[in-house]
Amino acid sequence: MKHLKNFKLFEDAQKVAELNAKARDIDSKRNDLKSKAAETAKSARNEDDPLKTELLVLNTQKLSMQAEIAKIDLKINAIKIKQESNK
């Protein structure tokens, strides 16, 4: 029985490690999206054509929303980590 308990602890620790790795991936994705949105907004300010400007603004909004979704994913992942840690 001792080995089963140790295996269970190892399994739980492995799940937490996987969730932590996923959180780091989501965070880097969020940072990339935020930087892309900033670059797109900067290029929208420099654009003379109003249609291209509108497309760039919409693309910036899309990237910002994706970054917010990634932020929510991070919060969900943090809750999952807490659940695994409490087992």
PDB file of N, CA and C in Angstrom:
ATOM      1  N   MET A   1       0.804  -1.187   0.000  1.00  0.00           N
ATOM      2  CA  MET A   1       0.000   0.000   0.000  1.00  0.00           C
ATOM      3  C   MET A   1       0.854   1.262   0.000  1.00  0.00           C
ATOM      4  N   LYS A   2       2.011   1.168   0.580  1.00  0.00           N
ATOM      5  CA  LYS A   2       2.893   2.333   0.637  1.00  0.00           C
ATOM      6  C   LYS A   2       3.280   2.781  -0.771  1.00  0.00           C
ATOM      7  N   HIS A   3       3.531   1.808  -1.635  1.00  0.00           N
ATOM      8  CA  HIS A   3       3.922   2.145  -2.997  1.00  0.00           C
ATOM      9  C   HIS A   3       2.776   2.779  -3.770  1.00  0.00           C
ATOM     10  N   LEU A   4       1.563   2.341  -3.493  1.00  0.00           N
ATOM     11  CA  LEU A   4       0.418   2.937  -4.166  1.00  0.00           C
ATOM     12  C   LEU A   4       0.244   4.403  -3.759  1.00  0.00           C
ATOM     13  N   LYS A   5       0.449   4.689  -2.487  1.00  0.00           N
ATOM     14  CA  LYS A   5       0.338   6.078  -2.034  1.00  0.00           C
ATOM     15  C   LYS A   5       1.422   6.937  -2.675  1.00  0.00           C
ATOM     16  N   ASN A   6       2.636   6.413  -2.755  1.00  0.00           N
ATOM     17  CA  ASN A   6       3.721   7.162  -3.380  1.00  0.00           C
ATOM     18  C   ASN A   6       3.443   7.400  -4.856  1.00  0.00           C
ATOM     19  N   PHE A   7       2.896   6.384  -5.521  1.00  0.00           N
ATOM     20  CA  PHE A   7       2.565   6.535  -6.938  1.00  0.00           C
ATOM     21  C   PHE A   7       1.477   7.583  -7.120  1.00  0.00           C
ATOM     22  N   LYS A   8       0.496   7.590  -6.222  1.00  0.00           N
ATOM     23  CA  LYS A   8      -0.578   8.569  -6.285  1.00  0.00           C
ATOM     24  C   LYS A   8      -0.017   9.985  -6.107  1.00  0.00           C
ATOM     25  N   LEU A   9       0.895  10.154  -5.159  1.00  0.00           N
ATOM     26  CA  LEU A   9       1.530  11.455  -4.957  1.00  0.00           C
ATOM     27  C   LEU A   9       2.318  11.878  -6.192  1.00  0.00           C
ATOM     28  N   PHE A  10       3.027  10.924  -6.778  1.00  0.00           N
ATOM     29  CA  PHE A  10       3.799  11.201  -7.984  1.00  0.00           C
ATOM     30  C   PHE A  10       2.877  11.598  -9.124  1.00  0.00           C
ATOM     31  N   GLU A  11       1.766  10.881  -9.255  1.00  0.00           N
ATOM     32  CA  GLU A  11       0.804  11.163 -10.307  1.00  0.00           C
ATOM     33  C   GLU A  11       0.211  12.564 -10.140  1.00  0.00           C
ATOM     34  N   ASP A  12      -0.144  12.919  -8.898  1.00  0.00           N
ATOM     35  CA  ASP A  12      -0.708  14.247  -8.636  1.00  0.00           C
ATOM     36  C   ASP A  12       0.313  15.342  -8.915  1.00  0.00           C
ATOM     37  N   ALA A  13       1.542  15.106  -8.515  1.00  0.00           N
ATOM     38  CA  ALA A  13       2.603  16.095  -8.768  1.00  0.00           C
ATOM     39  C   ALA A  13       2.840  16.261 -10.263  1.00  0.00           C
ATOM     40  N   GLN A  14       2.739  15.170 -10.989  1.00  0.00           N
ATOM     41  CA  GLN A  14       2.933  15.232 -12.435  1.00  0.00           C
ATOM     42  C   GLN A  14       1.809  16.040 -13.086  1.00  0.00           C
ATOM     43  N   LYS A  15       0.577  15.859 -12.621  1.00  0.00           N
ATOM     44  CA  LYS A  15      -0.542  16.630 -13.156  1.00  0.00           C
ATOM     45  C   LYS A  15      -0.356  18.127 -12.885  1.00  0.00           C
ATOM     46  N   VAL A  16       0.086  18.456 -11.681  1.00  0.00           N
ATOM     47  CA  VAL A  16       0.315  19.864 -11.327  1.00  0.00           C
ATOM     48  C   VAL A  16       1.428  20.445 -12.201  1.00  0.00           C
ATOM     49  N   ALA A  17       2.466  19.664 -12.439  1.00  0.00           N
ATOM     50  CA  ALA A  17       3.562  20.134 -13.293  1.00  0.00           C
ATOM     51  C   ALA A  17       3.074  20.375 -14.722  1.00  0.00           C
ATOM     52  N   GLU A  18       2.226  19.502 -15.220  1.00  0.00           N
ATOM     53  CA  GLU A  18       1.669  19.694 -16.563  1.00  0.00           C
ATOM     54  C   GLU A  18       0.795  20.945 -16.619  1.00  0.00           C
ATOM     55  N   LEU A  19       0.001  21.157 -15.572  1.00  0.00           N
ATOM     56  CA  LEU A  19      -0.841  22.352 -15.531  1.00  0.00           C
ATOM     57  C   LEU A  19       0.002  23.620 -15.432  1.00  0.00           C
ATOM     58  N   ASN A  20       1.104  23.564 -14.694  1.00  0.00           N
ATOM     59  CA  ASN A  20       2.003  24.721 -14.613  1.00  0.00           C
ATOM     60  C   ASN A  20       2.640  25.011 -15.964  1.00  0.00           C
ATOM     61  N   ALA A  21       3.025  23.966 -16.688  1.00  0.00           N
ATOM     62  CA  ALA A  21       3.604  24.158 -18.024  1.00  0.00           C
ATOM     63  C   ALA A  21       2.571  24.767 -18.965  1.00  0.00           C
ATOM     64  N   LYS A  22       1.335  24.295 -18.846  1.00  0.00           N
ATOM     65  CA  LYS A  22       0.261  24.848 -19.679  1.00  0.00           C
ATOM     66  C   LYS A  22       0.035  26.322 -19.347  1.00  0.00           C
ATOM     67  N   ALA A  23       0.110  26.666 -18.064  1.00  0.00           N
ATOM     68  CA  ALA A  23      -0.064  28.061 -17.656  1.00  0.00           C
ATOM     69  C   ALA A  23       1.029  28.945 -18.243  1.00  0.00           C
ATOM     70  N   ARG A  24       2.259  28.450 -18.243  1.00  0.00           N
ATOM     71  CA  ARG A  24       3.359  29.228 -18.839  1.00  0.00           C
ATOM     72  C   ARG A  24       3.143  29.417 -20.336  1.00  0.00           C
ATOM     73  N   ASP A  25       2.660  28.375 -21.019  1.00  0.00           N
ATOM     74  CA  ASP A  25       2.387  28.485 -22.447  1.00  0.00           C
ATOM     75  C   ASP A  25       1.286  29.511 -22.727  1.00  0.00           C
ATOM     76  N   ILE A  26       0.225  29.449 -21.930  1.00  0.00           N
ATOM     77  CA  ILE A  26      -0.886  30.390 -22.108  1.00  0.00           C
ATOM     78  C   ILE A  26      -0.415  31.814 -21.841  1.00  0.00           C
ATOM     79  N   ASP A  27       0.424  31.991 -20.833  1.00  0.00           N
ATOM     80  CA  ASP A  27       0.917  33.323 -20.494  1.00  0.00           C
ATOM     81  C   ASP A  27       1.793  33.879 -21.618  1.00  0.00           C
ATOM     82  N   SER A  28       2.648  33.043 -22.190  1.00  0.00           N
ATOM     83  CA  SER A  28       3.487  33.523 -23.288  1.00  0.00           C
ATOM     84  C   SER A  28       2.635  33.839 -24.515  1.00  0.00           C
ATOM     85  N   LYS A  29       1.594  33.030 -24.745  1.00  0.00           N
ATOM     86  CA  LYS A  29       0.681  33.289 -25.861  1.00  0.00           C
ATOM     87  C   LYS A  29      -0.034  34.621 -25.651  1.00  0.00           C
ATOM     88  N   ARG A  30      -0.446  34.874 -24.406  1.00  0.00           N
ATOM     89  CA  ARG A  30      -1.134  36.125 -24.088  1.00  0.00           C
ATOM     90  C   ARG A  30      -0.210  37.327 -24.318  1.00  0.00           C
ATOM     91  N   ASN A  31       1.031  37.193 -23.894  1.00  0.00           N
ATOM     92  CA  ASN A  31       1.986  38.283 -24.095  1.00  0.00           C
ATOM     93  C   ASN A  31       2.237  38.526 -25.576  1.00  0.00           C
ATOM     94  N   ASP A  32       2.324  37.458 -26.372  1.00  0.00           N
ATOM     95  CA  ASP A  32       2.491  37.605 -27.814  1.00  0.00           C
ATOM     96  C   ASP A  32       1.298  38.323 -28.435  1.00  0.00           C
ATOM     97  N   LEU A  33       0.098  37.938 -28.010  1.00  0.00           N
ATOM     98  CA  LEU A  33      -1.104  38.571 -28.550  1.00  0.00           C
ATOM     99  C   LEU A  33      -1.157  40.056 -28.194  1.00  0.00           C
ATOM    100  N   LYS A  34      -0.784  40.378 -26.972  1.00  0.00           N
ATOM    101  CA  LYS A  34      -0.783  41.782 -26.563  1.00  0.00           C
ATOM    102  C   LYS A  34       0.233  42.596 -27.368  1.00  0.00           C
ATOM    103  N   SER A  35       1.400  42.027 -27.625  1.00  0.00           N
ATOM    104  CA  SER A  35       2.409  42.758 -28.395  1.00  0.00           C
ATOM    105  C   SER A  35       1.970  42.913 -29.852  1.00  0.00           C
ATOM    106  N   LYS A  36       1.336  41.875 -30.416  1.00  0.00           N
ATOM    107  CA  LYS A  36       0.826  41.982 -31.782  1.00  0.00           C
ATOM    108  C   LYS A  36      -0.262  43.045 -31.868  1.00  0.00           C
ATOM    109  N   ALA A  37      -1.124  43.101 -30.851  1.00  0.00           N
ATOM    110  CA  ALA A  37      -2.185  44.109 -30.837  1.00  0.00           C
ATOM    111  C   ALA A  37      -1.592  45.508 -30.767  1.00  0.00           C
ATOM    112  N   ALA A  38      -0.554  45.682 -29.977  1.00  0.00           N
ATOM    113  CA  ALA A  38       0.095  46.994 -29.877  1.00  0.00           C
ATOM    114  C   ALA A  38       0.740  47.385 -31.207  1.00  0.00           C
ATOM    115  N   GLU A  39       1.384  46.430 -31.859  1.00  0.00           N
ATOM    116  CA  GLU A  39       2.009  46.713 -33.157  1.00  0.00           C
ATOM    117  C   GLU A  39       0.953  47.071 -34.199  1.00  0.00           C
ATOM    118  N   THR A  40      -0.161  46.350 -34.192  1.00  0.00           N
ATOM    119  CA  THR A  40      -1.233  46.618 -35.146  1.00  0.00           C
ATOM    120  C   THR A  40      -1.852  47.989 -34.895  1.00  0.00           C
ATOM    121  N   ALA A  41      -2.041  48.327 -33.642  1.00  0.00           N
ATOM    122  CA  ALA A  41      -2.586  49.651 -33.309  1.00  0.00           C
ATOM    123  C   ALA A  41      -1.630  50.750 -33.744  1.00  0.00           C
ATOM    124  N   LYS A  42      -0.344  50.509 -33.578  1.00  0.00           N
ATOM    125  CA  LYS A  42       0.656  51.505 -33.991  1.00  0.00           C
ATOM    126  C   LYS A  42       0.629  51.689 -35.509  1.00  0.00           C
ATOM    127  N   SER A  43       0.510  50.590 -36.247  1.00  0.00           N
ATOM    128  CA  SER A  43       0.474  50.710 -37.702  1.00  0.00           C
ATOM    129  C   SER A  43      -0.845  51.328 -38.168  1.00  0.00           C
ATOM    130  N   ALA A  44      -1.924  51.144 -37.392  1.00  0.00           N
ATOM    131  CA  ALA A  44      -3.205  51.764 -37.759  1.00  0.00           C
ATOM    132  C   ALA A  44      -3.112  53.283 -37.652  1.00  0.00           C
ATOM    133  N   ARG A  45      -2.349  53.769 -36.681  1.00  0.00           N
ATOM    134  CA  ARG A  45      -2.187  55.219 -36.537  1.00  0.00           C
ATOM    135  C   ARG A  45      -1.397  55.825 -37.693  1.00  0.00           C
ATOM    136  N   ASN A  46      -0.528  55.026 -38.286  1.00  0.00           N
ATOM    137  CA  ASN A  46       0.317  55.534 -39.366  1.00  0.00           C
ATOM    138  C   ASN A  46      -0.305  55.359 -40.744  1.00  0.00           C
ATOM    139  N   GLU A  47      -1.434  54.690 -40.829  1.00  0.00           N
ATOM    140  CA  GLU A  47      -2.072  54.400 -42.112  1.00  0.00           C
ATOM    141  C   GLU A  47      -2.907  55.595 -42.577  1.00  0.00           C
ATOM    142  N   ASP A  48      -2.819  55.882 -43.876  1.00  0.00           N
ATOM    143  CA  ASP A  48      -3.581  56.998 -44.449  1.00  0.00           C
ATOM    144  C   ASP A  48      -4.934  56.567 -44.999  1.00  0.00           C
ATOM    145  N   ASP A  49      -5.010  55.351 -45.518  1.00  0.00           N
ATOM    146  CA  ASP A  49      -6.244  54.848 -46.114  1.00  0.00           C
ATOM    147  C   ASP A  49      -7.251  54.491 -45.010  1.00  0.00           C
ATOM    148  N   PRO A  50      -8.452  55.085 -45.026  1.00  0.00           N
ATOM    149  CA  PRO A  50      -9.416  54.822 -43.953  1.00  0.00           C
ATOM    150  C   PRO A  50      -9.906  53.367 -43.895  1.00  0.00           C
ATOM    151  N   LEU A  51     -10.003  52.698 -45.033  1.00  0.00           N
ATOM    152  CA  LEU A  51     -10.443  51.300 -45.022  1.00  0.00           C
ATOM    153  C   LEU A  51      -9.390  50.389 -44.395  1.00  0.00           C
ATOM    154  N   LYS A  52      -8.142  50.633 -44.738  1.00  0.00           N
ATOM    155  CA  LYS A  52      -7.065  49.843 -44.137  1.00  0.00           C
ATOM    156  C   LYS A  52      -6.968  50.123 -42.634  1.00  0.00           C
ATOM    157  N   THR A  53      -7.194  51.387 -42.275  1.00  0.00           N
ATOM    158  CA  THR A  53      -7.173  51.749 -40.859  1.00  0.00           C
ATOM    159  C   THR A  53      -8.266  51.000 -40.102  1.00  0.00           C
ATOM    160  N   GLU A  54      -9.452  50.940 -40.690  1.00  0.00           N
ATOM    161  CA  GLU A  54     -10.566  50.242 -40.049  1.00  0.00           C
ATOM    162  C   GLU A  54     -10.262  48.747 -39.893  1.00  0.00           C
ATOM    163  N   LEU A  55      -9.667  48.156 -40.917  1.00  0.00           N
ATOM    164  CA  LEU A  55      -9.279  46.743 -40.828  1.00  0.00           C
ATOM    165  C   LEU A  55      -8.245  46.519 -39.726  1.00  0.00           C
ATOM    166  N   LEU A  56      -7.293  47.405 -39.631  1.00  0.00           N
ATOM    167  CA  LEU A  56      -6.273  47.282 -38.591  1.00  0.00           C
ATOM    168  C   LEU A  56      -6.861  47.462 -37.190  1.00  0.00           C
ATOM    169  N   VAL A  57      -7.819  48.379 -37.070  1.00  0.00           N
ATOM    170  CA  VAL A  57      -8.467  48.596 -35.776  1.00  0.00           C
ATOM    171  C   VAL A  57      -9.262  47.356 -35.372  1.00  0.00           C
ATOM    172  N   LEU A  58      -9.985  46.782 -36.316  1.00  0.00           N
ATOM    173  CA  LEU A  58     -10.750  45.563 -36.013  1.00  0.00           C
ATOM    174  C   LEU A  58      -9.820  44.402 -35.663  1.00  0.00           C
ATOM    175  N   ASN A  59      -8.712  44.322 -36.357  1.00  0.00           N
ATOM    176  CA  ASN A  59      -7.732  43.269 -36.057  1.00  0.00           C
ATOM    177  C   ASN A  59      -7.136  43.472 -34.662  1.00  0.00           C
ATOM    178  N   THR A  60      -6.912  44.725 -34.300  1.00  0.00           N
ATOM    179  CA  THR A  60      -6.407  45.035 -32.960  1.00  0.00           C
ATOM    180  C   THR A  60      -7.417  44.608 -31.895  1.00  0.00           C
ATOM    181  N   GLN A  61      -8.691  44.891 -32.143  1.00  0.00           N
ATOM    182  CA  GLN A  61      -9.734  44.492 -31.194  1.00  0.00           C
ATOM    183  C   GLN A  61      -9.809  42.971 -31.073  1.00  0.00           C
ATOM    184  N   LYS A  62      -9.664  42.290 -32.204  1.00  0.00           N
ATOM    185  CA  LYS A  62      -9.689  40.826 -32.206  1.00  0.00           C
ATOM    186  C   LYS A  62      -8.534  40.265 -31.376  1.00  0.00           C
ATOM    187  N   LEU A  63      -7.347  40.807 -31.562  1.00  0.00           N
ATOM    188  CA  LEU A  63      -6.185  40.343 -30.804  1.00  0.00           C
ATOM    189  C   LEU A  63      -6.338  40.645 -29.314  1.00  0.00           C
ATOM    190  N   SER A  64      -6.913  41.780 -29.003  1.00  0.00           N
ATOM    191  CA  SER A  64      -7.139  42.134 -27.598  1.00  0.00           C
ATOM    192  C   SER A  64      -8.128  41.174 -26.946  1.00  0.00           C
ATOM    193  N   MET A  65      -9.166  40.799 -27.659  1.00  0.00           N
ATOM    194  CA  MET A  65     -10.136  39.847 -27.124  1.00  0.00           C
ATOM    195  C   MET A  65      -9.502  38.471 -26.942  1.00  0.00           C
ATOM    196  N   GLN A  66      -8.653  38.068 -27.871  1.00  0.00           N
ATOM    197  CA  GLN A  66      -7.952  36.787 -27.719  1.00  0.00           C
ATOM    198  C   GLN A  66      -7.037  36.813 -26.502  1.00  0.00           C
ATOM    199  N   ALA A  67      -6.428  37.957 -26.237  1.00  0.00           N
ATOM    200  CA  ALA A  67      -5.580  38.090 -25.049  1.00  0.00           C
ATOM    201  C   ALA A  67      -6.424  37.976 -23.784  1.00  0.00           C
ATOM    202  N   GLU A  68      -7.617  38.540 -23.791  1.00  0.00           N
ATOM    203  CA  GLU A  68      -8.511  38.435 -22.636  1.00  0.00           C
ATOM    204  C   GLU A  68      -8.984  36.995 -22.426  1.00  0.00           C
ATOM    205  N   ILE A  69      -9.230  36.288 -23.518  1.00  0.00           N
ATOM    206  CA  ILE A  69      -9.604  34.877 -23.420  1.00  0.00           C
ATOM    207  C   ILE A  69      -8.459  34.080 -22.809  1.00  0.00           C
ATOM    208  N   ALA A  70      -7.243  34.398 -23.208  1.00  0.00           N
ATOM    209  CA  ALA A  70      -6.074  33.720 -22.634  1.00  0.00           C
ATOM    210  C   ALA A  70      -5.960  34.020 -21.143  1.00  0.00           C
ATOM    211  N   LYS A  71      -6.322  35.237 -20.741  1.00  0.00           N
ATOM    212  CA  LYS A  71      -6.303  35.606 -19.318  1.00  0.00           C
ATOM    213  C   LYS A  71      -7.315  34.764 -18.541  1.00  0.00           C
ATOM    214  N   ILE A  72      -8.485  34.559 -19.107  1.00  0.00           N
ATOM    215  CA  ILE A  72      -9.500  33.714 -18.475  1.00  0.00           C
ATOM    216  C   ILE A  72      -9.011  32.273 -18.401  1.00  0.00           C
ATOM    217  N   ASP A  73      -8.355  31.806 -19.462  1.00  0.00           N
ATOM    218  CA  ASP A  73      -7.790  30.454 -19.452  1.00  0.00           C
ATOM    219  C   ASP A  73      -6.766  30.296 -18.335  1.00  0.00           C
ATOM    220  N   LEU A  74      -5.986  31.341 -18.091  1.00  0.00           N
ATOM    221  CA  LEU A  74      -5.020  31.305 -16.992  1.00  0.00           C
ATOM    222  C   LEU A  74      -5.721  31.164 -15.644  1.00  0.00           C
ATOM    223  N   LYS A  75      -6.810  31.875 -15.468  1.00  0.00           N
ATOM    224  CA  LYS A  75      -7.556  31.791 -14.212  1.00  0.00           C
ATOM    225  C   LYS A  75      -8.155  30.392 -14.023  1.00  0.00           C
ATOM    226  N   ILE A  76      -8.687  29.827 -15.097  1.00  0.00           N
ATOM    227  CA  ILE A  76      -9.234  28.466 -15.031  1.00  0.00           C
ATOM    228  C   ILE A  76      -8.130  27.477 -14.684  1.00  0.00           C
ATOM    229  N   ASN A  77      -6.984  27.655 -15.300  1.00  0.00           N
ATOM    230  CA  ASN A  77      -5.858  26.768 -15.045  1.00  0.00           C
ATOM    231  C   ASN A  77      -5.378  26.887 -13.592  1.00  0.00           C
ATOM    232  N   ALA A  78      -5.399  28.093 -13.041  1.00  0.00           N
ATOM    233  CA  ALA A  78      -4.996  28.286 -11.644  1.00  0.00           C
ATOM    234  C   ALA A  78      -5.940  27.550 -10.705  1.00  0.00           C
ATOM    235  N   ILE A  79      -7.230  27.551 -11.024  1.00  0.00           N
ATOM    236  CA  ILE A  79      -8.203  26.832 -10.201  1.00  0.00           C
ATOM    237  C   ILE A  79      -7.956  25.331 -10.289  1.00  0.00           C
ATOM    238  N   LYS A  80      -7.634  24.845 -11.480  1.00  0.00           N
ATOM    239  CA  LYS A  80      -7.337  23.422 -11.639  1.00  0.00           C
ATOM    240  C   LYS A  80      -6.100  23.031 -10.842  1.00  0.00           C
ATOM    241  N   ILE A  81      -5.107  23.903 -10.828  1.00  0.00           N
ATOM    242  CA  ILE A  81      -3.890  23.624 -10.058  1.00  0.00           C
ATOM    243  C   ILE A  81      -4.215  23.541  -8.574  1.00  0.00           C
ATOM    244  N   LYS A  82      -5.044  24.456  -8.100  1.00  0.00           N
ATOM    245  CA  LYS A  82      -5.450  24.423  -6.681  1.00  0.00           C
ATOM    246  C   LYS A  82      -6.193  23.137  -6.351  1.00  0.00           C
ATOM    247  N   GLN A  83      -7.057  22.710  -7.272  1.00  0.00           N
ATOM    248  CA  GLN A  83      -7.787  21.471  -7.049  1.00  0.00           C
ATOM    249  C   GLN A  83      -6.848  20.270  -6.952  1.00  0.00           C
ATOM    250  N   GLU A  84      -5.868  20.218  -7.844  1.00  0.00           N
ATOM    251  CA  GLU A  84      -4.920  19.103  -7.842  1.00  0.00           C
ATOM    252  C   GLU A  84      -4.041  19.149  -6.598  1.00  0.00           C
ATOM    253  N   SER A  85      -3.720  20.339  -6.146  1.00  0.00           N
ATOM    254  CA  SER A  85      -2.859  20.481  -4.967  1.00  0.00           C
ATOM    255  C   SER A  85      -3.591  20.062  -3.698  1.00  0.00           C
ATOM    256  N   ASN A  86      -4.892  20.248  -3.663  1.00  0.00           N
ATOM    257  CA  ASN A  86      -5.670  19.924  -2.473  1.00  0.00           C
ATOM    258  C   ASN A  86      -6.008  18.434  -2.367  1.00  0.00           C
ATOM    259  N   LYS A  87      -5.737  17.679  -3.400  1.00  0.00           N
ATOM    260  CA  LYS A  87      -6.076  16.245  -3.355  1.00  0.00           C
ATOM    261  C   LYS A  87      -5.181  15.504  -2.409  1.00  0.00           C
TER     262      LYS A  87
END
